[in-house]
Amino acid sequence: MTCRAAAAAAGLGAFPAVLRAQPRTIKIGMVEPVSGPMADVGQDSRLGAQIAVDAINAAGGIKSLGGAKLELMTADSQTKVEVARAEAERLINAGAQLLTGAFHSAHVATIAPLAQQRRIPYIIDITAADQPTANIAKSVRDGQQKLQYVYRIFPGSATFGRNAVRFMTDIFKEAGVSPKRVVVLYSNDLFGKTQTESFLAAQKAANPGFDVVEVSPPFDAGDITTFAALKLIFEVWGLGLPGARRAP
């Protein structure tokens, strides 16, 4: 080694390793329904994630990782369960170091075991169904798997059920009314079913003084319109829809 090279090496060694190394990039894979029936919420979720990534990078990146920058890798589930899983796997194969998103509970449920199997951290930003994380957490507790890679930062359906009954009871009390029946309208999918089950369990436990009439529309999530929802509710009560003419 020449004197000049030795001096350069010594000078480089005087700097902390974090300054010598080029800050690496953390690749985040995000699957969202940016097309199909749930396109609106998927697009909003993606936009929010990109804003967060841009803000963190503009502020210097992840300081604990030497200023590592974030890169958002996106995928469209098309509001289809099978596409959600395939796109999540594509992102992992493309270098995603962690996953987020999916929004729809059924999509989350199919991505969660994939992330656990591939040992890719999956931070679920939005989902109501408890099963995806609960099942994996149980398998870790039971010793079937060593580490848990799937976590949620969103309240589960059990919490929503309890809060729904509590808030409805408070609203009825404040308004001075005592409804005898409540109509539950839900989408016929994992999200709708788990939400309804949790609400019914909470209603039974709290015994708030009203009965529940279940209505499950024959629609996939995102397809139900306000008119269709009102029509179903009025049919339950045996009434005609206001402003609508009966067919001859």
C-alpha atoms as a PDB file:
ATOM      1  CA  MET A   1       0.000   0.000   0.000  1.00  0.00           C
ATOM      2  CA  THR A   2       1.387   3.425  -0.917  1.00  0.00           C
ATOM      3  CA  CYS A   3       1.731   6.192   1.685  1.00  0.00           C
ATOM      4  CA  ARG A   4      -1.104   8.114   0.008  1.00  0.00           C
ATOM      5  CA  ALA A   5      -3.403   5.088   0.088  1.00  0.00           C
ATOM      6  CA  ALA A   6      -2.499   4.353   3.694  1.00  0.00           C
ATOM      7  CA  ALA A   7      -3.260   7.935   4.676  1.00  0.00           C
ATOM      8  CA  ALA A   8      -6.592   7.823   2.868  1.00  0.00           C
ATOM      9  CA  ALA A   9      -7.509   4.581   4.603  1.00  0.00           C
ATOM     10  CA  ALA A  10      -6.569   6.006   7.982  1.00  0.00           C
ATOM     11  CA  GLY A  11      -8.632   9.119   7.324  1.00  0.00           C
ATOM     12  CA  LEU A  12     -11.632   7.095   6.298  1.00  0.00           C
ATOM     13  CA  GLY A  13     -11.314   4.987   9.407  1.00  0.00           C
ATOM     14  CA  ALA A  14     -11.568   8.098  11.574  1.00  0.00           C
ATOM     15  CA  PHE A  15     -15.174   8.684  10.440  1.00  0.00           C
ATOM     16  CA  PRO A  16     -18.043   6.773  12.016  1.00  0.00           C
ATOM     17  CA  ALA A  17     -19.150   3.765   9.991  1.00  0.00           C
ATOM     18  CA  VAL A  18     -22.602   5.288   9.498  1.00  0.00           C
ATOM     19  CA  LEU A  19     -21.003   8.214   7.641  1.00  0.00           C
ATOM     20  CA  ARG A  20     -18.724   6.027   5.560  1.00  0.00           C
ATOM     21  CA  ALA A  21     -21.552   3.817   4.328  1.00  0.00           C
ATOM     22  CA  GLN A  22     -23.975   4.899   1.675  1.00  0.00           C
ATOM     23  CA  PRO A  23     -27.466   5.075   3.283  1.00  0.00           C
ATOM     24  CA  ARG A  24     -29.406   2.062   2.063  1.00  0.00           C
ATOM     25  CA  THR A  25     -32.953   2.101   0.778  1.00  0.00           C
ATOM     26  CA  ILE A  26     -35.778   0.343   2.610  1.00  0.00           C
ATOM     27  CA  LYS A  27     -38.229  -1.011   0.075  1.00  0.00           C
ATOM     28  CA  ILE A  28     -41.863  -1.092   1.229  1.00  0.00           C
ATOM     29  CA  GLY A  29     -44.331  -3.136  -0.776  1.00  0.00           C
ATOM     30  CA  MET A  30     -47.915  -1.869  -0.665  1.00  0.00           C
ATOM     31  CA  VAL A  31     -50.887  -3.738  -2.108  1.00  0.00           C
ATOM     32  CA  GLU A  32     -54.076  -1.702  -2.425  1.00  0.00           C
ATOM     33  CA  PRO A  33     -57.296  -1.888  -4.490  1.00  0.00           C
ATOM     34  CA  VAL A  34     -56.637   1.056  -6.793  1.00  0.00           C
ATOM     35  CA  SER A  35     -59.072  -0.302  -9.373  1.00  0.00           C
ATOM     36  CA  GLY A  36     -62.333  -2.174  -9.051  1.00  0.00           C
ATOM     37  CA  PRO A  37     -65.181  -1.507  -6.571  1.00  0.00           C
ATOM     38  CA  MET A  38     -62.859  -0.285  -3.796  1.00  0.00           C
ATOM     39  CA  ALA A  39     -60.658   1.915  -5.976  1.00  0.00           C
ATOM     40  CA  ASP A  40     -61.443   5.115  -4.079  1.00  0.00           C
ATOM     41  CA  VAL A  41     -60.218   3.897  -0.699  1.00  0.00           C
ATOM     42  CA  GLY A  42     -57.248   2.121  -2.280  1.00  0.00           C
ATOM     43  CA  GLN A  43     -56.133   5.240  -4.087  1.00  0.00           C
ATOM     44  CA  ASP A  44     -56.474   7.295  -0.900  1.00  0.00           C
ATOM     45  CA  SER A  45     -54.440   4.756   1.063  1.00  0.00           C
ATOM     46  CA  ARG A  46     -51.682   4.731  -1.543  1.00  0.00           C
ATOM     47  CA  LEU A  47     -51.595   8.523  -1.637  1.00  0.00           C
ATOM     48  CA  GLY A  48     -51.315   8.684   2.156  1.00  0.00           C
ATOM     49  CA  ALA A  49     -48.447   6.199   2.152  1.00  0.00           C
ATOM     50  CA  GLN A  50     -46.584   8.107  -0.547  1.00  0.00           C
ATOM     51  CA  ILE A  51     -47.005  11.386   1.344  1.00  0.00           C
ATOM     52  CA  ALA A  52     -45.583   9.726   4.474  1.00  0.00           C
ATOM     53  CA  VAL A  53     -42.626   8.270   2.558  1.00  0.00           C
ATOM     54  CA  ASP A  54     -41.854  11.620   0.942  1.00  0.00           C
ATOM     55  CA  ALA A  55     -42.047  13.421   4.295  1.00  0.00           C
ATOM     56  CA  ILE A  56     -39.721  10.932   6.017  1.00  0.00           C
ATOM     57  CA  ASN A  57     -37.193  11.066   3.169  1.00  0.00           C
ATOM     58  CA  ALA A  58     -37.297  14.877   3.106  1.00  0.00           C
ATOM     59  CA  ALA A  59     -36.576  14.920   6.837  1.00  0.00           C
ATOM     60  CA  GLY A  60     -33.415  12.880   6.407  1.00  0.00           C
ATOM     61  CA  GLY A  61     -34.697   9.329   6.199  1.00  0.00           C
ATOM     62  CA  ILE A  62     -34.527   6.778   9.014  1.00  0.00           C
ATOM     63  CA  LYS A  63     -31.915   8.244  11.326  1.00  0.00           C
ATOM     64  CA  SER A  64     -31.441   5.051  13.344  1.00  0.00           C
ATOM     65  CA  LEU A  65     -30.410   3.385  10.068  1.00  0.00           C
ATOM     66  CA  GLY A  66     -27.973   6.070   9.056  1.00  0.00           C
ATOM     67  CA  GLY A  67     -30.446   8.113   7.044  1.00  0.00           C
ATOM     68  CA  ALA A  68     -31.839   5.215   5.038  1.00  0.00           C
ATOM     69  CA  LYS A  69     -34.444   6.339   2.534  1.00  0.00           C
ATOM     70  CA  LEU A  70     -37.794   4.712   1.951  1.00  0.00           C
ATOM     71  CA  GLU A  71     -39.016   3.495  -1.418  1.00  0.00           C
ATOM     72  CA  LEU A  72     -42.697   2.682  -1.925  1.00  0.00           C
ATOM     73  CA  MET A  73     -43.298  -0.234  -4.273  1.00  0.00           C
ATOM     74  CA  THR A  74     -46.974  -0.343  -5.236  1.00  0.00           C
ATOM     75  CA  ALA A  75     -49.363  -2.984  -6.532  1.00  0.00           C
ATOM     76  CA  ASP A  76     -53.052  -3.029  -7.467  1.00  0.00           C
ATOM     77  CA  SER A  77     -55.186  -5.846  -6.089  1.00  0.00           C
ATOM     78  CA  GLN A  78     -58.025  -4.831  -8.425  1.00  0.00           C
ATOM     79  CA  THR A  79     -60.305  -5.568  -5.420  1.00  0.00           C
ATOM     80  CA  LYS A  80     -59.747  -9.286  -6.060  1.00  0.00           C
ATOM     81  CA  VAL A  81     -58.500 -11.688  -3.383  1.00  0.00           C
ATOM     82  CA  GLU A  82     -56.431 -13.863  -5.711  1.00  0.00           C
ATOM     83  CA  VAL A  83     -54.796 -10.834  -7.301  1.00  0.00           C
ATOM     84  CA  ALA A  84     -53.917  -9.376  -3.880  1.00  0.00           C
ATOM     85  CA  ARG A  85     -51.868 -12.443  -2.926  1.00  0.00           C
ATOM     86  CA  ALA A  86     -50.213 -12.726  -6.340  1.00  0.00           C
ATOM     87  CA  GLU A  87     -49.218  -9.060  -6.276  1.00  0.00           C
ATOM     88  CA  ALA A  88     -47.858  -9.339  -2.734  1.00  0.00           C
ATOM     89  CA  GLU A  89     -45.680 -12.248  -3.837  1.00  0.00           C
ATOM     90  CA  ARG A  90     -44.534 -10.275  -6.872  1.00  0.00           C
ATOM     91  CA  LEU A  91     -43.465  -7.374  -4.652  1.00  0.00           C
ATOM     92  CA  ILE A  92     -41.545  -9.705  -2.342  1.00  0.00           C
ATOM     93  CA  ASN A  93     -39.760 -11.278  -5.306  1.00  0.00           C
ATOM     94  CA  ALA A  94     -38.968  -7.784  -6.583  1.00  0.00           C
ATOM     95  CA  GLY A  95     -37.141  -6.931  -3.356  1.00  0.00           C
ATOM     96  CA  ALA A  96     -39.755  -5.597  -0.950  1.00  0.00           C
ATOM     97  CA  GLN A  97     -38.353  -5.848   2.577  1.00  0.00           C
ATOM     98  CA  LEU A  98     -41.690  -5.318   4.299  1.00  0.00           C
ATOM     99  CA  LEU A  99     -45.334  -5.168   3.295  1.00  0.00           C
ATOM    100  CA  THR A 100     -48.270  -2.972   4.172  1.00  0.00           C
ATOM    101  CA  GLY A 101     -51.770  -2.244   2.945  1.00  0.00           C
ATOM    102  CA  ALA A 102     -54.432  -4.457   1.343  1.00  0.00           C
ATOM    103  CA  PHE A 103     -57.368  -2.698   3.126  1.00  0.00           C
ATOM    104  CA  HIS A 104     -59.954  -5.415   2.478  1.00  0.00           C
ATOM    105  CA  SER A 105     -60.023  -8.042   5.230  1.00  0.00           C
ATOM    106  CA  ALA A 106     -60.190 -10.955   2.790  1.00  0.00           C
ATOM    107  CA  HIS A 107     -57.149  -9.598   0.967  1.00  0.00           C
ATOM    108  CA  VAL A 108     -55.265  -9.192   4.239  1.00  0.00           C
ATOM    109  CA  ALA A 109     -56.190 -12.745   5.203  1.00  0.00           C
ATOM    110  CA  THR A 110     -54.539 -14.144   2.086  1.00  0.00           C
ATOM    111  CA  ILE A 111     -51.406 -11.964   2.287  1.00  0.00           C
ATOM    112  CA  ALA A 112     -50.743 -12.548   6.002  1.00  0.00           C
ATOM    113  CA  PRO A 113     -49.775 -16.255   5.762  1.00  0.00           C
ATOM    114  CA  LEU A 114     -47.641 -15.493   2.706  1.00  0.00           C
ATOM    115  CA  ALA A 115     -45.705 -12.821   4.611  1.00  0.00           C
ATOM    116  CA  GLN A 116     -45.319 -15.142   7.590  1.00  0.00           C
ATOM    117  CA  GLN A 117     -44.059 -17.941   5.356  1.00  0.00           C
ATOM    118  CA  ARG A 118     -41.617 -15.701   3.491  1.00  0.00           C
ATOM    119  CA  ARG A 119     -40.496 -14.021   6.750  1.00  0.00           C
ATOM    120  CA  ILE A 120     -41.368 -10.568   5.488  1.00  0.00           C
ATOM    121  CA  PRO A 121     -42.718  -8.129   8.110  1.00  0.00           C
ATOM    122  CA  TYR A 122     -46.290  -7.206   7.242  1.00  0.00           C
ATOM    123  CA  ILE A 123     -47.654  -4.096   8.971  1.00  0.00           C
ATOM    124  CA  ILE A 124     -51.403  -4.063   8.348  1.00  0.00           C
ATOM    125  CA  ASP A 125     -52.577  -0.460   8.206  1.00  0.00           C
ATOM    126  CA  ILE A 126     -56.306  -1.099   7.795  1.00  0.00           C
ATOM    127  CA  THR A 127     -58.378  -4.237   8.336  1.00  0.00           C
ATOM    128  CA  ALA A 128     -61.207  -5.075  10.684  1.00  0.00           C
ATOM    129  CA  ALA A 129     -61.186  -8.884  10.766  1.00  0.00           C
ATOM    130  CA  ASP A 130     -59.229 -10.201  13.746  1.00  0.00           C
ATOM    131  CA  GLN A 131     -58.384 -13.622  12.299  1.00  0.00           C
ATOM    132  CA  PRO A 132     -55.308 -12.825  10.162  1.00  0.00           C
ATOM    133  CA  THR A 133     -53.211 -11.611  13.086  1.00  0.00           C
ATOM    134  CA  ALA A 134     -54.914 -13.676  15.798  1.00  0.00           C
ATOM    135  CA  ASN A 135     -54.265 -16.981  14.047  1.00  0.00           C
ATOM    136  CA  ILE A 136     -50.588 -16.219  13.456  1.00  0.00           C
ATOM    137  CA  ALA A 137     -50.080 -14.946  17.008  1.00  0.00           C
ATOM    138  CA  LYS A 138     -51.629 -18.155  18.352  1.00  0.00           C
ATOM    139  CA  SER A 139     -49.362 -20.335  16.220  1.00  0.00           C
ATOM    140  CA  VAL A 140     -46.334 -18.518  17.641  1.00  0.00           C
ATOM    141  CA  ARG A 141     -47.598 -18.863  21.213  1.00  0.00           C
ATOM    142  CA  ASP A 142     -48.227 -22.567  20.645  1.00  0.00           C
ATOM    143  CA  GLY A 143     -44.692 -23.034  19.364  1.00  0.00           C
ATOM    144  CA  GLN A 144     -45.732 -23.932  15.827  1.00  0.00           C
ATOM    145  CA  GLN A 145     -43.771 -20.951  14.483  1.00  0.00           C
ATOM    146  CA  LYS A 146     -40.766 -19.193  15.989  1.00  0.00           C
ATOM    147  CA  LEU A 147     -41.382 -15.549  15.151  1.00  0.00           C
ATOM    148  CA  GLN A 148     -44.380 -13.406  14.310  1.00  0.00           C
ATOM    149  CA  TYR A 149     -43.992 -11.297  11.184  1.00  0.00           C
ATOM    150  CA  VAL A 150     -47.571 -10.017  10.844  1.00  0.00           C
ATOM    151  CA  TYR A 151     -48.860  -7.112  12.963  1.00  0.00           C
ATOM    152  CA  ARG A 152     -51.735  -4.664  12.800  1.00  0.00           C
ATOM    153  CA  ILE A 153     -52.018  -0.975  13.729  1.00  0.00           C
ATOM    154  CA  PHE A 154     -55.807  -0.892  13.282  1.00  0.00           C
ATOM    155  CA  PRO A 155     -58.551  -1.844  15.768  1.00  0.00           C
ATOM    156  CA  GLY A 156     -60.086  -5.275  15.271  1.00  0.00           C
ATOM    157  CA  SER A 157     -63.710  -6.219  14.741  1.00  0.00           C
ATOM    158  CA  ALA A 158     -64.249  -7.075  18.425  1.00  0.00           C
ATOM    159  CA  THR A 159     -63.360  -3.492  19.349  1.00  0.00           C
ATOM    160  CA  PHE A 160     -65.643  -2.121  16.637  1.00  0.00           C
ATOM    161  CA  GLY A 161     -68.535  -4.287  17.822  1.00  0.00           C
ATOM    162  CA  ARG A 162     -68.254  -3.143  21.437  1.00  0.00           C
ATOM    163  CA  ASN A 163     -67.872   0.506  20.475  1.00  0.00           C
ATOM    164  CA  ALA A 164     -70.785   0.381  18.022  1.00  0.00           C
ATOM    165  CA  VAL A 165     -73.184  -0.874  20.698  1.00  0.00           C
ATOM    166  CA  ARG A 166     -71.850   1.562  23.289  1.00  0.00           C
ATOM    167  CA  PHE A 167     -72.027   4.587  20.989  1.00  0.00           C
ATOM    168  CA  MET A 168     -75.492   3.686  19.708  1.00  0.00           C
ATOM    169  CA  THR A 169     -76.753   3.312  23.266  1.00  0.00           C
ATOM    170  CA  ASP A 170     -75.274   6.696  24.203  1.00  0.00           C
ATOM    171  CA  ILE A 171     -76.818   8.359  21.142  1.00  0.00           C
ATOM    172  CA  PHE A 172     -80.261   6.890  21.851  1.00  0.00           C
ATOM    173  CA  LYS A 173     -80.047   8.003  25.482  1.00  0.00           C
ATOM    174  CA  GLU A 174     -78.972  11.523  24.515  1.00  0.00           C
ATOM    175  CA  ALA A 175     -81.785  11.756  21.943  1.00  0.00           C
ATOM    176  CA  GLY A 176     -84.349  10.442  24.423  1.00  0.00           C
ATOM    177  CA  VAL A 177     -85.465   7.588  22.190  1.00  0.00           C
ATOM    178  CA  SER A 178     -85.749   3.833  22.793  1.00  0.00           C
ATOM    179  CA  PRO A 179     -85.617   1.930  19.488  1.00  0.00           C
ATOM    180  CA  LYS A 180     -86.862  -1.641  19.647  1.00  0.00           C
ATOM    181  CA  ARG A 181     -85.230  -2.922  16.466  1.00  0.00           C
ATOM    182  CA  VAL A 182     -81.953  -2.153  14.698  1.00  0.00           C
ATOM    183  CA  VAL A 183     -81.228  -3.224  11.126  1.00  0.00           C
ATOM    184  CA  VAL A 184     -77.722  -4.517  10.411  1.00  0.00           C
ATOM    185  CA  LEU A 185     -76.782  -4.170   6.759  1.00  0.00           C
ATOM    186  CA  TYR A 186     -73.473  -5.747   5.763  1.00  0.00           C
ATOM    187  CA  SER A 187     -71.530  -6.968   2.767  1.00  0.00           C
ATOM    188  CA  ASN A 188     -71.434 -10.717   2.317  1.00  0.00           C
ATOM    189  CA  ASP A 189     -67.653 -11.100   2.712  1.00  0.00           C
ATOM    190  CA  LEU A 190     -65.073 -11.589   5.466  1.00  0.00           C
ATOM    191  CA  PHE A 191     -65.218  -7.938   6.510  1.00  0.00           C
ATOM    192  CA  GLY A 192     -69.006  -7.761   6.657  1.00  0.00           C
ATOM    193  CA  LYS A 193     -69.438 -11.117   8.365  1.00  0.00           C
ATOM    194  CA  THR A 194     -66.834 -10.548  11.094  1.00  0.00           C
ATOM    195  CA  GLN A 195     -68.132  -7.058  11.779  1.00  0.00           C
ATOM    196  CA  THR A 196     -71.673  -8.345  12.120  1.00  0.00           C
ATOM    197  CA  GLU A 197     -70.664 -11.262  14.335  1.00  0.00           C
ATOM    198  CA  SER A 198     -68.784  -8.901  16.634  1.00  0.00           C
ATOM    199  CA  PHE A 199     -71.683  -6.451  16.768  1.00  0.00           C
ATOM    200  CA  LEU A 200     -74.178  -9.226  17.566  1.00  0.00           C
ATOM    201  CA  ALA A 201     -71.909 -10.619  20.306  1.00  0.00           C
ATOM    202  CA  ALA A 202     -71.507  -7.172  21.846  1.00  0.00           C
ATOM    203  CA  GLN A 203     -75.252  -6.495  21.604  1.00  0.00           C
ATOM    204  CA  LYS A 204     -76.035  -9.768  23.345  1.00  0.00           C
ATOM    205  CA  ALA A 205     -73.503  -9.129  26.112  1.00  0.00           C
ATOM    206  CA  ALA A 206     -74.613  -5.537  26.716  1.00  0.00           C
ATOM    207  CA  ASN A 207     -78.367  -6.212  26.386  1.00  0.00           C
ATOM    208  CA  PRO A 208     -79.002  -2.581  25.365  1.00  0.00           C
ATOM    209  CA  GLY A 209     -82.771  -2.982  24.987  1.00  0.00           C
ATOM    210  CA  PHE A 210     -83.089  -3.322  21.229  1.00  0.00           C
ATOM    211  CA  ASP A 211     -83.336  -6.358  19.001  1.00  0.00           C
ATOM    212  CA  VAL A 212     -81.279  -6.789  15.834  1.00  0.00           C
ATOM    213  CA  VAL A 213     -82.650  -7.560  12.401  1.00  0.00           C
ATOM    214  CA  GLU A 214     -79.887  -8.910  10.177  1.00  0.00           C
ATOM    215  CA  VAL A 215     -79.818  -8.058   6.504  1.00  0.00           C
ATOM    216  CA  SER A 216     -77.149  -9.533   4.247  1.00  0.00           C
ATOM    217  CA  PRO A 217     -77.359  -8.070   0.742  1.00  0.00           C
ATOM    218  CA  PRO A 218     -76.516 -10.272  -2.238  1.00  0.00           C
ATOM    219  CA  PHE A 219     -73.739  -7.894  -3.240  1.00  0.00           C
ATOM    220  CA  ASP A 220     -69.969  -8.011  -3.075  1.00  0.00           C
ATOM    221  CA  ALA A 221     -68.245  -5.297  -1.090  1.00  0.00           C
ATOM    222  CA  GLY A 222     -68.275  -2.007  -2.927  1.00  0.00           C
ATOM    223  CA  ASP A 223     -71.224  -2.895  -5.187  1.00  0.00           C
ATOM    224  CA  ILE A 224     -74.030  -1.880  -2.864  1.00  0.00           C
ATOM    225  CA  THR A 225     -75.616   1.490  -3.561  1.00  0.00           C
ATOM    226  CA  THR A 226     -77.431   3.794  -1.175  1.00  0.00           C
ATOM    227  CA  PHE A 227     -80.708   3.100  -2.977  1.00  0.00           C
ATOM    228  CA  ALA A 228     -80.227  -0.667  -2.714  1.00  0.00           C
ATOM    229  CA  ALA A 229     -79.400  -0.397   0.974  1.00  0.00           C
ATOM    230  CA  LEU A 230     -82.502   1.648   1.708  1.00  0.00           C
ATOM    231  CA  LYS A 231     -84.648  -0.725  -0.347  1.00  0.00           C
ATOM    232  CA  LEU A 232     -83.466  -3.697   1.695  1.00  0.00           C
ATOM    233  CA  ILE A 233     -84.061  -1.920   4.985  1.00  0.00           C
ATOM    234  CA  PHE A 234     -87.591  -0.912   4.029  1.00  0.00           C
ATOM    235  CA  GLU A 235     -88.321  -4.442   2.837  1.00  0.00           C
ATOM    236  CA  VAL A 236     -87.361  -5.727   6.279  1.00  0.00           C
ATOM    237  CA  TRP A 237     -89.896  -3.367   7.820  1.00  0.00           C
ATOM    238  CA  GLY A 238     -92.530  -4.386   5.300  1.00  0.00           C
ATOM    239  CA  LEU A 239     -92.738  -0.901   3.802  1.00  0.00           C
ATOM    240  CA  GLY A 240     -92.458   0.508   0.326  1.00  0.00           C
ATOM    241  CA  LEU A 241     -89.437   2.622  -0.516  1.00  0.00           C
ATOM    242  CA  PRO A 242     -90.319   6.353  -0.313  1.00  0.00           C
ATOM    243  CA  GLY A 243     -90.574   7.916  -3.748  1.00  0.00           C
ATOM    244  CA  ALA A 244     -90.488   4.539  -5.493  1.00  0.00           C
ATOM    245  CA  ARG A 245     -93.368   3.106  -7.514  1.00  0.00           C
ATOM    246  CA  ARG A 246     -94.328  -0.500  -7.041  1.00  0.00           C
ATOM    247  CA  ALA A 247     -94.055  -2.603 -10.152  1.00  0.00           C
ATOM    248  CA  PRO A 248     -97.443  -3.630 -11.602  1.00  0.00           C
END
